[in-house]
Amino acid sequence: MAHSTVLHELVSRYETLRTATEGSSASAELKRRLEDTAYTLCVITGTRHPDQALAVARARLAAAGD
């Protein structure tokens, strides 16, 4: 299980990148970074979909008091 600091950083990075890639003007680099972050979140949380990964990550952070 990932340390809560790492999990918090990944959730924050994912949310920031998701916001930055909304719309058609997002660069390929930003989209790739979002996909990489989503993949990492899924691996760390044992899920297959970014929405599930975020839910699991947030639950773990809440349980850890973060």
PDB file of N, CA and C in Angstrom:
ATOM      1  N   MET A   1       0.853  -1.180   0.000  1.00  0.00           N
ATOM      2  CA  MET A   1       0.000   0.000   0.000  1.00  0.00           C
ATOM      3  C   MET A   1       0.896   1.241   0.000  1.00  0.00           C
ATOM      4  N   ALA A   2       0.519   2.184  -0.814  1.00  0.00           N
ATOM      5  CA  ALA A   2       1.298   3.412  -0.950  1.00  0.00           C
ATOM      6  C   ALA A   2       1.185   4.277   0.305  1.00  0.00           C
ATOM      7  N   HIS A   3       2.257   4.957   0.615  1.00  0.00           N
ATOM      8  CA  HIS A   3       2.265   5.902   1.723  1.00  0.00           C
ATOM      9  C   HIS A   3       1.264   7.011   1.410  1.00  0.00           C
ATOM     10  N   SER A   4       0.622   7.531   2.428  1.00  0.00           N
ATOM     11  CA  SER A   4      -0.419   8.540   2.216  1.00  0.00           C
ATOM     12  C   SER A   4       0.109   9.795   1.519  1.00  0.00           C
ATOM     13  N   THR A   5       1.359  10.141   1.740  1.00  0.00           N
ATOM     14  CA  THR A   5       1.943  11.309   1.071  1.00  0.00           C
ATOM     15  C   THR A   5       2.005  11.083  -0.438  1.00  0.00           C
ATOM     16  N   VAL A   6       2.416   9.893  -0.838  1.00  0.00           N
ATOM     17  CA  VAL A   6       2.494   9.549  -2.258  1.00  0.00           C
ATOM     18  C   VAL A   6       1.094   9.531  -2.862  1.00  0.00           C
ATOM     19  N   LEU A   7       0.165   8.930  -2.159  1.00  0.00           N
ATOM     20  CA  LEU A   7      -1.209   8.852  -2.637  1.00  0.00           C
ATOM     21  C   LEU A   7      -1.812  10.245  -2.789  1.00  0.00           C
ATOM     22  N   HIS A   8      -1.586  11.096  -1.816  1.00  0.00           N
ATOM     23  CA  HIS A   8      -2.094  12.472  -1.878  1.00  0.00           C
ATOM     24  C   HIS A   8      -1.503  13.210  -3.081  1.00  0.00           C
ATOM     25  N   GLU A   9      -0.221  13.043  -3.318  1.00  0.00           N
ATOM     26  CA  GLU A   9       0.444  13.696  -4.457  1.00  0.00           C
ATOM     27  C   GLU A   9      -0.146  13.211  -5.774  1.00  0.00           C
ATOM     28  N   LEU A  10      -0.377  11.912  -5.899  1.00  0.00           N
ATOM     29  CA  LEU A  10      -0.940  11.369  -7.132  1.00  0.00           C
ATOM     30  C   LEU A  10      -2.359  11.879  -7.385  1.00  0.00           C
ATOM     31  N   VAL A  11      -3.171  11.903  -6.349  1.00  0.00           N
ATOM     32  CA  VAL A  11      -4.542  12.405  -6.495  1.00  0.00           C
ATOM     33  C   VAL A  11      -4.513  13.866  -6.912  1.00  0.00           C
ATOM     34  N   SER A  12      -3.683  14.647  -6.267  1.00  0.00           N
ATOM     35  CA  SER A  12      -3.570  16.069  -6.592  1.00  0.00           C
ATOM     36  C   SER A  12      -3.085  16.262  -8.029  1.00  0.00           C
ATOM     37  N   ARG A  13      -2.064  15.512  -8.427  1.00  0.00           N
ATOM     38  CA  ARG A  13      -1.528  15.619  -9.786  1.00  0.00           C
ATOM     39  C   ARG A  13      -2.587  15.211 -10.808  1.00  0.00           C
ATOM     40  N   TYR A  14      -3.311  14.122 -10.541  1.00  0.00           N
ATOM     41  CA  TYR A  14      -4.342  13.665 -11.461  1.00  0.00           C
ATOM     42  C   TYR A  14      -5.418  14.734 -11.634  1.00  0.00           C
ATOM     43  N   GLU A  15      -5.895  15.290 -10.543  1.00  0.00           N
ATOM     44  CA  GLU A  15      -6.948  16.300 -10.619  1.00  0.00           C
ATOM     45  C   GLU A  15      -6.481  17.545 -11.367  1.00  0.00           C
ATOM     46  N   THR A  16      -5.252  17.965 -11.137  1.00  0.00           N
ATOM     47  CA  THR A  16      -4.697  19.122 -11.825  1.00  0.00           C
ATOM     48  C   THR A  16      -4.579  18.865 -13.324  1.00  0.00           C
ATOM     49  N   LEU A  17      -4.048  17.697 -13.675  1.00  0.00           N
ATOM     50  CA  LEU A  17      -3.895  17.359 -15.085  1.00  0.00           C
ATOM     51  C   LEU A  17      -5.246  17.169 -15.772  1.00  0.00           C
ATOM     52  N   ARG A  18      -6.191  16.580 -15.068  1.00  0.00           N
ATOM     53  CA  ARG A  18      -7.520  16.380 -15.660  1.00  0.00           C
ATOM     54  C   ARG A  18      -8.151  17.740 -15.998  1.00  0.00           C
ATOM     55  N   THR A  19      -8.010  18.686 -15.091  1.00  0.00           N
ATOM     56  CA  THR A  19      -8.540  20.030 -15.340  1.00  0.00           C
ATOM     57  C   THR A  19      -7.802  20.688 -16.512  1.00  0.00           C
ATOM     58  N   ALA A  20      -6.487  20.508 -16.545  1.00  0.00           N
ATOM     59  CA  ALA A  20      -5.678  21.132 -17.598  1.00  0.00           C
ATOM     60  C   ALA A  20      -5.944  20.535 -18.975  1.00  0.00           C
ATOM     61  N   THR A  21      -6.408  19.294 -19.029  1.00  0.00           N
ATOM     62  CA  THR A  21      -6.625  18.651 -20.327  1.00  0.00           C
ATOM     63  C   THR A  21      -8.068  18.729 -20.799  1.00  0.00           C
ATOM     64  N   GLU A  22      -8.935  19.386 -20.046  1.00  0.00           N
ATOM     65  CA  GLU A  22     -10.314  19.560 -20.498  1.00  0.00           C
ATOM     66  C   GLU A  22     -10.331  20.497 -21.688  1.00  0.00           C
ATOM     67  N   GLY A  23     -11.130  20.188 -22.654  1.00  0.00           N
ATOM     68  CA  GLY A  23     -11.189  21.007 -23.857  1.00  0.00           C
ATOM     69  C   GLY A  23     -10.252  20.478 -24.922  1.00  0.00           C
ATOM     70  N   SER A  24     -10.332  21.057 -26.072  1.00  0.00           N
ATOM     71  CA  SER A  24      -9.582  20.558 -27.222  1.00  0.00           C
ATOM     72  C   SER A  24      -8.175  21.137 -27.342  1.00  0.00           C
ATOM     73  N   SER A  25      -7.830  22.087 -26.506  1.00  0.00           N
ATOM     74  CA  SER A  25      -6.528  22.749 -26.653  1.00  0.00           C
ATOM     75  C   SER A  25      -5.408  22.082 -25.846  1.00  0.00           C
ATOM     76  N   ALA A  26      -5.690  20.973 -25.197  1.00  0.00           N
ATOM     77  CA  ALA A  26      -4.674  20.304 -24.382  1.00  0.00           C
ATOM     78  C   ALA A  26      -3.609  19.682 -25.276  1.00  0.00           C
ATOM     79  N   SER A  27      -2.373  19.828 -24.861  1.00  0.00           N
ATOM     80  CA  SER A  27      -1.269  19.274 -25.645  1.00  0.00           C
ATOM     81  C   SER A  27      -1.194  17.757 -25.467  1.00  0.00           C
ATOM     82  N   ALA A  28      -0.543  17.138 -26.403  1.00  0.00           N
ATOM     83  CA  ALA A  28      -0.342  15.685 -26.331  1.00  0.00           C
ATOM     84  C   ALA A  28       0.473  15.322 -25.094  1.00  0.00           C
ATOM     85  N   GLU A  29       1.414  16.163 -24.734  1.00  0.00           N
ATOM     86  CA  GLU A  29       2.247  15.920 -23.549  1.00  0.00           C
ATOM     87  C   GLU A  29       1.403  15.909 -22.279  1.00  0.00           C
ATOM     88  N   LEU A  30       0.505  16.876 -22.134  1.00  0.00           N
ATOM     89  CA  LEU A  30      -0.360  16.903 -20.955  1.00  0.00           C
ATOM     90  C   LEU A  30      -1.272  15.690 -20.907  1.00  0.00           C
ATOM     91  N   LYS A  31      -1.799  15.296 -22.054  1.00  0.00           N
ATOM     92  CA  LYS A  31      -2.659  14.119 -22.105  1.00  0.00           C
ATOM     93  C   LYS A  31      -1.892  12.860 -21.710  1.00  0.00           C
ATOM     94  N   ARG A  32      -0.651  12.743 -22.175  1.00  0.00           N
ATOM     95  CA  ARG A  32       0.182  11.595 -21.825  1.00  0.00           C
ATOM     96  C   ARG A  32       0.475  11.569 -20.339  1.00  0.00           C
ATOM     97  N   ARG A  33       0.765  12.730 -19.767  1.00  0.00           N
ATOM     98  CA  ARG A  33       1.022  12.803 -18.331  1.00  0.00           C
ATOM     99  C   ARG A  33      -0.211  12.419 -17.533  1.00  0.00           C
ATOM    100  N   LEU A  34      -1.396  12.818 -17.994  1.00  0.00           N
ATOM    101  CA  LEU A  34      -2.637  12.431 -17.337  1.00  0.00           C
ATOM    102  C   LEU A  34      -2.814  10.919 -17.400  1.00  0.00           C
ATOM    103  N   GLU A  35      -2.596  10.334 -18.563  1.00  0.00           N
ATOM    104  CA  GLU A  35      -2.726   8.885 -18.715  1.00  0.00           C
ATOM    105  C   GLU A  35      -1.734   8.145 -17.824  1.00  0.00           C
ATOM    106  N   ASP A  36      -0.499   8.629 -17.752  1.00  0.00           N
ATOM    107  CA  ASP A  36       0.514   8.001 -16.898  1.00  0.00           C
ATOM    108  C   ASP A  36       0.119   8.077 -15.426  1.00  0.00           C
ATOM    109  N   THR A  37      -0.388   9.215 -15.012  1.00  0.00           N
ATOM    110  CA  THR A  37      -0.796   9.394 -13.619  1.00  0.00           C
ATOM    111  C   THR A  37      -1.999   8.515 -13.305  1.00  0.00           C
ATOM    112  N   ALA A  38      -2.949   8.444 -14.222  1.00  0.00           N
ATOM    113  CA  ALA A  38      -4.121   7.586 -14.031  1.00  0.00           C
ATOM    114  C   ALA A  38      -3.694   6.132 -13.914  1.00  0.00           C
ATOM    115  N   TYR A  39      -2.776   5.717 -14.759  1.00  0.00           N
ATOM    116  CA  TYR A  39      -2.282   4.338 -14.715  1.00  0.00           C
ATOM    117  C   TYR A  39      -1.626   4.046 -13.362  1.00  0.00           C
ATOM    118  N   THR A  40      -0.795   4.949 -12.910  1.00  0.00           N
ATOM    119  CA  THR A  40      -0.114   4.766 -11.627  1.00  0.00           C
ATOM    120  C   THR A  40      -1.115   4.690 -10.486  1.00  0.00           C
ATOM    121  N   LEU A  41      -2.111   5.550 -10.492  1.00  0.00           N
ATOM    122  CA  LEU A  41      -3.154   5.508  -9.467  1.00  0.00           C
ATOM    123  C   LEU A  41      -3.882   4.167  -9.481  1.00  0.00           C
ATOM    124  N   CYS A  42      -4.187   3.681 -10.668  1.00  0.00           N
ATOM    125  CA  CYS A  42      -4.875   2.389 -10.778  1.00  0.00           C
ATOM    126  C   CYS A  42      -4.008   1.252 -10.238  1.00  0.00           C
ATOM    127  N   VAL A  43      -2.744   1.260 -10.568  1.00  0.00           N
ATOM    128  CA  VAL A  43      -1.843   0.206 -10.092  1.00  0.00           C
ATOM    129  C   VAL A  43      -1.738   0.246  -8.567  1.00  0.00           C
ATOM    130  N   ILE A  44      -1.543   1.419  -8.022  1.00  0.00           N
ATOM    131  CA  ILE A  44      -1.363   1.565  -6.575  1.00  0.00           C
ATOM    132  C   ILE A  44      -2.623   1.175  -5.808  1.00  0.00           C
ATOM    133  N   THR A  45      -3.783   1.445  -6.394  1.00  0.00           N
ATOM    134  CA  THR A  45      -5.043   1.161  -5.689  1.00  0.00           C
ATOM    135  C   THR A  45      -5.640  -0.191  -6.066  1.00  0.00           C
ATOM    136  N   GLY A  46      -5.046  -0.874  -7.038  1.00  0.00           N
ATOM    137  CA  GLY A  46      -5.554  -2.177  -7.452  1.00  0.00           C
ATOM    138  C   GLY A  46      -6.871  -2.097  -8.206  1.00  0.00           C
ATOM    139  N   THR A  47      -7.064  -1.022  -8.936  1.00  0.00           N
ATOM    140  CA  THR A  47      -8.292  -0.833  -9.708  1.00  0.00           C
ATOM    141  C   THR A  47      -7.950  -0.764 -11.187  1.00  0.00           C
ATOM    142  N   ARG A  48      -8.995  -0.678 -12.019  1.00  0.00           N
ATOM    143  CA  ARG A  48      -8.781  -0.630 -13.469  1.00  0.00           C
ATOM    144  C   ARG A  48      -9.293   0.648 -14.114  1.00  0.00           C
ATOM    145  N   HIS A  49      -9.932   1.496 -13.356  1.00  0.00           N
ATOM    146  CA  HIS A  49     -10.501   2.717 -13.926  1.00  0.00           C
ATOM    147  C   HIS A  49     -10.127   3.906 -13.043  1.00  0.00           C
ATOM    148  N   PRO A  50      -9.750   5.025 -13.637  1.00  0.00           N
ATOM    149  CA  PRO A  50      -9.333   6.186 -12.847  1.00  0.00           C
ATOM    150  C   PRO A  50     -10.368   6.651 -11.816  1.00  0.00           C
ATOM    151  N   ASP A  51     -11.653   6.600 -12.160  1.00  0.00           N
ATOM    152  CA  ASP A  51     -12.672   7.017 -11.189  1.00  0.00           C
ATOM    153  C   ASP A  51     -12.678   6.107  -9.963  1.00  0.00           C
ATOM    154  N   GLN A  52     -12.528   4.807 -10.204  1.00  0.00           N
ATOM    155  CA  GLN A  52     -12.437   3.862  -9.085  1.00  0.00           C
ATOM    156  C   GLN A  52     -11.168   4.115  -8.274  1.00  0.00           C
ATOM    157  N   ALA A  53     -10.078   4.362  -8.968  1.00  0.00           N
ATOM    158  CA  ALA A  53      -8.805   4.621  -8.297  1.00  0.00           C
ATOM    159  C   ALA A  53      -8.898   5.846  -7.403  1.00  0.00           C
ATOM    160  N   LEU A  54      -9.535   6.897  -7.903  1.00  0.00           N
ATOM    161  CA  LEU A  54      -9.704   8.106  -7.086  1.00  0.00           C
ATOM    162  C   LEU A  54     -10.547   7.823  -5.855  1.00  0.00           C
ATOM    163  N   ALA A  55     -11.612   7.071  -6.019  1.00  0.00           N
ATOM    164  CA  ALA A  55     -12.473   6.744  -4.872  1.00  0.00           C
ATOM    165  C   ALA A  55     -11.707   5.945  -3.826  1.00  0.00           C
ATOM    166  N   VAL A  56     -10.949   4.956  -4.266  1.00  0.00           N
ATOM    167  CA  VAL A  56     -10.163   4.145  -3.331  1.00  0.00           C
ATOM    168  C   VAL A  56      -9.091   5.002  -2.658  1.00  0.00           C
ATOM    169  N   ALA A  57      -8.399   5.818  -3.448  1.00  0.00           N
ATOM    170  CA  ALA A  57      -7.347   6.676  -2.899  1.00  0.00           C
ATOM    171  C   ALA A  57      -7.912   7.645  -1.861  1.00  0.00           C
ATOM    172  N   ARG A  58      -9.034   8.252  -2.176  1.00  0.00           N
ATOM    173  CA  ARG A  58      -9.648   9.192  -1.226  1.00  0.00           C
ATOM    174  C   ARG A  58     -10.088   8.476   0.046  1.00  0.00           C
ATOM    175  N   ALA A  59     -10.610   7.280  -0.090  1.00  0.00           N
ATOM    176  CA  ALA A  59     -11.015   6.508   1.092  1.00  0.00           C
ATOM    177  C   ALA A  59      -9.816   6.169   1.958  1.00  0.00           C
ATOM    178  N   ARG A  60      -8.721   5.774   1.325  1.00  0.00           N
ATOM    179  CA  ARG A  60      -7.497   5.457   2.077  1.00  0.00           C
ATOM    180  C   ARG A  60      -6.947   6.710   2.774  1.00  0.00           C
ATOM    181  N   LEU A  61      -6.981   7.827   2.069  1.00  0.00           N
ATOM    182  CA  LEU A  61      -6.503   9.070   2.680  1.00  0.00           C
ATOM    183  C   LEU A  61      -7.384   9.477   3.845  1.00  0.00           C
ATOM    184  N   ALA A  62      -8.683   9.325   3.702  1.00  0.00           N
ATOM    185  CA  ALA A  62      -9.601   9.654   4.798  1.00  0.00           C
ATOM    186  C   ALA A  62      -9.362   8.739   5.999  1.00  0.00           C
ATOM    187  N   ALA A  63      -9.121   7.469   5.729  1.00  0.00           N
ATOM    188  CA  ALA A  63      -8.852   6.516   6.809  1.00  0.00           C
ATOM    189  C   ALA A  63      -7.542   6.835   7.522  1.00  0.00           C
ATOM    190  N   ALA A  64      -6.594   7.400   6.766  1.00  0.00           N
ATOM    191  CA  ALA A  64      -5.310   7.760   7.346  1.00  0.00           C
ATOM    192  C   ALA A  64      -5.352   9.124   8.018  1.00  0.00           C
ATOM    193  N   GLY A  65      -6.477   9.814   7.866  1.00  0.00           N
ATOM    194  CA  GLY A  65      -6.621  11.133   8.483  1.00  0.00           C
ATOM    195  C   GLY A  65      -6.019  12.258   7.677  1.00  0.00           C
ATOM    196  N   ASP A  66      -5.812  12.015   6.377  1.00  0.00           N
ATOM    197  CA  ASP A  66      -5.220  13.047   5.494  1.00  0.00           C
ATOM    198  C   ASP A  66      -6.289  13.749   4.701  1.00  0.00           C
TER     199      ASP A  66
END
